[in-house]
Amino acid sequence: VSSVQQFFTSFGISTAVYVAVLLVWSVVFRRSFPEFFAPKLYADDPCAAKHISSVWRTIVHTIRCPDEALLQLYGGIDALHYLRFLKYSGVFFAALAAVCLPLLVPINYSGVNKYKPSGDPEAASGMDTRSVANVEVREPTLWGHLNQVFIVTAGTMNS
């Protein structure tokens, strides 16, 4: 069995367990104790009834809602800072993935270590063919990795 098959088998089992736990939590606990799991609203919000009906509507509402309304709605500066951190982290990591993945995945996949004989300890196989482990030490494509390090560092420092 290859490491790719092992990875996808493990991923499938983990996803099934996650979905099962999420369903049990959503169906049993949220309906049994609605006063505990409902968001604590501290202000009258005309759209509050819309966004507490499901988790996804709450997330979308929180992303679209202005900071002043979130501050009044959830009742504290700590909640506002946490929600802003989550919002900006999602945007930041999505932007980094959009910039880095189109360059790094082809570089890693075209590395030369996967073409070594299977008995060689440096030969890449399975998921290693898509990581930097597949790129030789002195290969010119490592400049792409260095370029992405500078882009990520500049993006982190400027955000």
Protein backbone atom coordinates (compact mmCIF):
# COMPACT_ATOMS: atom_id res chain seq x y z
CA VAL A 1 0.00 0.00 0.00
CA SER A 2 1.48 3.35 -1.02
CA SER A 3 1.77 6.33 1.28
CA VAL A 4 -0.73 8.24 -0.87
CA GLN A 5 -3.35 5.54 -0.29
CA GLN A 6 -2.50 5.54 3.42
CA PHE A 7 -2.87 9.31 3.52
CA PHE A 8 -6.28 9.31 1.83
CA THR A 9 -7.48 6.39 3.97
CA SER A 10 -6.45 8.24 7.11
CA PHE A 11 -8.00 11.45 5.79
CA GLY A 12 -11.27 9.66 5.00
CA ILE A 13 -11.49 8.04 8.44
CA SER A 14 -10.69 11.34 10.17
CA THR A 15 -13.30 13.15 8.10
CA ALA A 16 -15.94 10.52 8.91
CA VAL A 17 -15.20 10.76 12.65
CA TYR A 18 -15.28 14.57 12.46
CA VAL A 19 -18.65 14.56 10.68
CA ALA A 20 -20.08 12.05 13.15
CA VAL A 21 -18.98 14.09 16.17
CA LEU A 22 -20.24 17.31 14.57
CA LEU A 23 -23.64 15.75 13.89
CA VAL A 24 -23.92 14.41 17.43
CA TRP A 25 -22.93 17.79 18.83
CA SER A 26 -25.30 19.67 16.54
CA VAL A 27 -28.29 17.41 16.98
CA VAL A 28 -28.04 16.26 20.58
CA PHE A 29 -26.27 18.92 22.56
CA ARG A 30 -27.29 22.09 20.77
CA ARG A 31 -30.96 21.12 20.81
CA SER A 32 -30.85 19.80 24.37
CA PHE A 33 -29.22 22.93 25.82
CA PRO A 34 -30.09 25.88 23.55
CA GLU A 35 -29.60 28.42 26.34
CA PHE A 36 -25.98 27.30 26.74
CA PHE A 37 -24.98 27.17 23.05
CA ALA A 38 -26.88 30.22 21.80
CA PRO A 39 -24.76 33.36 21.29
CA LYS A 40 -24.98 35.80 24.16
CA LEU A 41 -26.51 38.92 22.61
CA TYR A 42 -26.24 42.16 24.55
CA ALA A 43 -27.91 44.53 22.13
CA ASP A 44 -31.03 44.47 20.03
CA ASP A 45 -29.97 43.45 16.56
CA PRO A 46 -32.57 43.39 13.80
CA CYS A 47 -30.78 40.55 12.07
CA ALA A 48 -29.97 38.53 15.21
CA ALA A 49 -32.76 36.04 14.54
CA LYS A 50 -31.30 35.33 11.11
CA HIS A 51 -27.73 34.64 12.11
CA ILE A 52 -28.21 32.40 15.15
CA SER A 53 -30.24 29.84 13.26
CA SER A 54 -27.12 28.07 11.93
CA VAL A 55 -23.37 28.06 12.41
CA TRP A 56 -22.66 29.12 8.82
CA ARG A 57 -25.01 32.10 9.00
CA THR A 58 -23.29 33.20 12.20
CA ILE A 59 -19.88 33.04 10.49
CA VAL A 60 -21.05 34.95 7.41
CA HIS A 61 -22.81 37.55 9.56
CA THR A 62 -19.71 38.02 11.70
CA ILE A 63 -17.50 38.54 8.64
CA ARG A 64 -19.88 41.06 7.01
CA CYS A 65 -20.89 42.88 10.18
CA PRO A 66 -19.03 46.16 10.93
CA ASP A 67 -16.89 46.28 14.07
CA GLU A 68 -19.16 48.74 15.89
CA ALA A 69 -22.14 46.42 15.47
CA LEU A 70 -20.10 43.41 16.65
CA LEU A 71 -19.02 45.36 19.71
CA GLN A 72 -22.60 46.16 20.62
CA LEU A 73 -23.94 42.75 19.65
CA TYR A 74 -21.50 40.52 21.53
CA GLY A 75 -20.86 42.93 24.37
CA GLY A 76 -17.13 43.28 24.80
CA ILE A 77 -13.89 44.46 23.33
CA ASP A 78 -12.30 41.04 23.94
CA ALA A 79 -14.94 39.32 21.80
CA LEU A 80 -14.45 41.95 19.10
CA HIS A 81 -10.68 41.48 19.05
CA TYR A 82 -11.01 37.70 18.90
CA LEU A 83 -13.50 37.84 16.01
CA ARG A 84 -11.32 40.34 14.14
CA PHE A 85 -8.29 38.09 14.67
CA LEU A 86 -10.18 35.14 13.18
CA LYS A 87 -11.45 37.22 10.27
CA TYR A 88 -8.06 38.69 9.37
CA SER A 89 -6.26 35.36 9.88
CA GLY A 90 -8.57 33.68 7.41
CA VAL A 91 -8.02 36.42 4.83
CA PHE A 92 -4.25 36.44 5.41
CA PHE A 93 -3.77 32.68 5.10
CA ALA A 94 -6.05 32.47 2.06
CA ALA A 95 -3.97 35.19 0.37
CA LEU A 96 -0.73 33.39 1.24
CA ALA A 97 -2.08 30.12 -0.12
CA ALA A 98 -3.15 31.84 -3.35
CA VAL A 99 0.33 33.32 -3.78
CA CYS A 100 2.50 30.41 -2.64
CA LEU A 101 0.77 27.23 -3.80
CA PRO A 102 0.75 27.92 -7.57
CA LEU A 103 4.55 28.28 -7.53
CA LEU A 104 5.68 25.86 -4.83
CA VAL A 105 3.60 22.79 -5.70
CA PRO A 106 4.94 22.53 -9.30
CA ILE A 107 8.51 23.18 -8.08
CA ASN A 108 8.24 20.47 -5.44
CA TYR A 109 6.56 17.99 -7.76
CA SER A 110 9.17 18.44 -10.49
CA GLY A 111 12.07 17.71 -8.14
CA VAL A 112 14.64 15.08 -9.01
CA ASN A 113 14.54 12.98 -5.83
CA LYS A 114 11.48 11.06 -7.02
CA TYR A 115 13.45 9.73 -9.99
CA LYS A 116 16.10 8.04 -7.82
CA PRO A 117 15.98 4.26 -7.47
CA SER A 118 13.48 3.04 -4.86
CA GLY A 119 16.26 1.53 -2.74
CA ASP A 120 18.00 4.90 -2.39
CA PRO A 121 17.29 6.44 1.06
CA GLU A 122 16.98 9.91 -0.53
CA ALA A 123 14.32 8.82 -3.03
CA ALA A 124 11.02 10.62 -2.57
CA SER A 125 7.81 8.61 -2.69
CA GLY A 126 4.15 9.22 -1.97
CA MET A 127 3.43 12.62 -0.44
CA ASP A 128 7.17 13.44 -0.29
CA THR A 129 7.01 14.11 -4.03
CA ARG A 130 4.94 17.21 -3.25
CA SER A 131 7.18 18.63 -0.52
CA VAL A 132 10.51 20.40 -0.47
CA ALA A 133 12.09 17.01 0.35
CA ASN A 134 11.80 16.24 -3.38
CA VAL A 135 14.09 19.13 -4.34
CA GLU A 136 17.86 18.65 -4.44
CA VAL A 137 20.05 20.75 -2.17
CA ARG A 138 21.77 22.77 -4.91
CA GLU A 139 18.94 22.79 -7.44
CA PRO A 140 18.14 26.22 -8.98
CA THR A 141 14.43 25.82 -8.22
CA LEU A 142 15.19 26.40 -4.54
CA TRP A 143 15.28 30.09 -5.49
CA GLY A 144 11.49 29.82 -5.83
CA HIS A 145 11.29 28.76 -2.19
CA LEU A 146 13.56 31.62 -1.14
CA ASN A 147 11.41 34.03 -3.17
CA GLN A 148 8.27 32.79 -1.41
CA VAL A 149 9.97 33.17 2.00
CA PHE A 150 10.58 36.85 1.21
CA ILE A 151 7.01 37.32 -0.04
CA VAL A 152 5.52 35.68 3.07
CA THR A 153 7.82 37.68 5.38
CA ALA A 154 6.99 40.95 3.63
CA GLY A 155 3.28 40.13 3.73
CA THR A 156 3.48 39.30 7.42
CA MET A 157 5.41 42.43 8.30
CA ASN A 158 3.15 44.73 6.27
CA SER A 159 -0.16 43.34 7.51
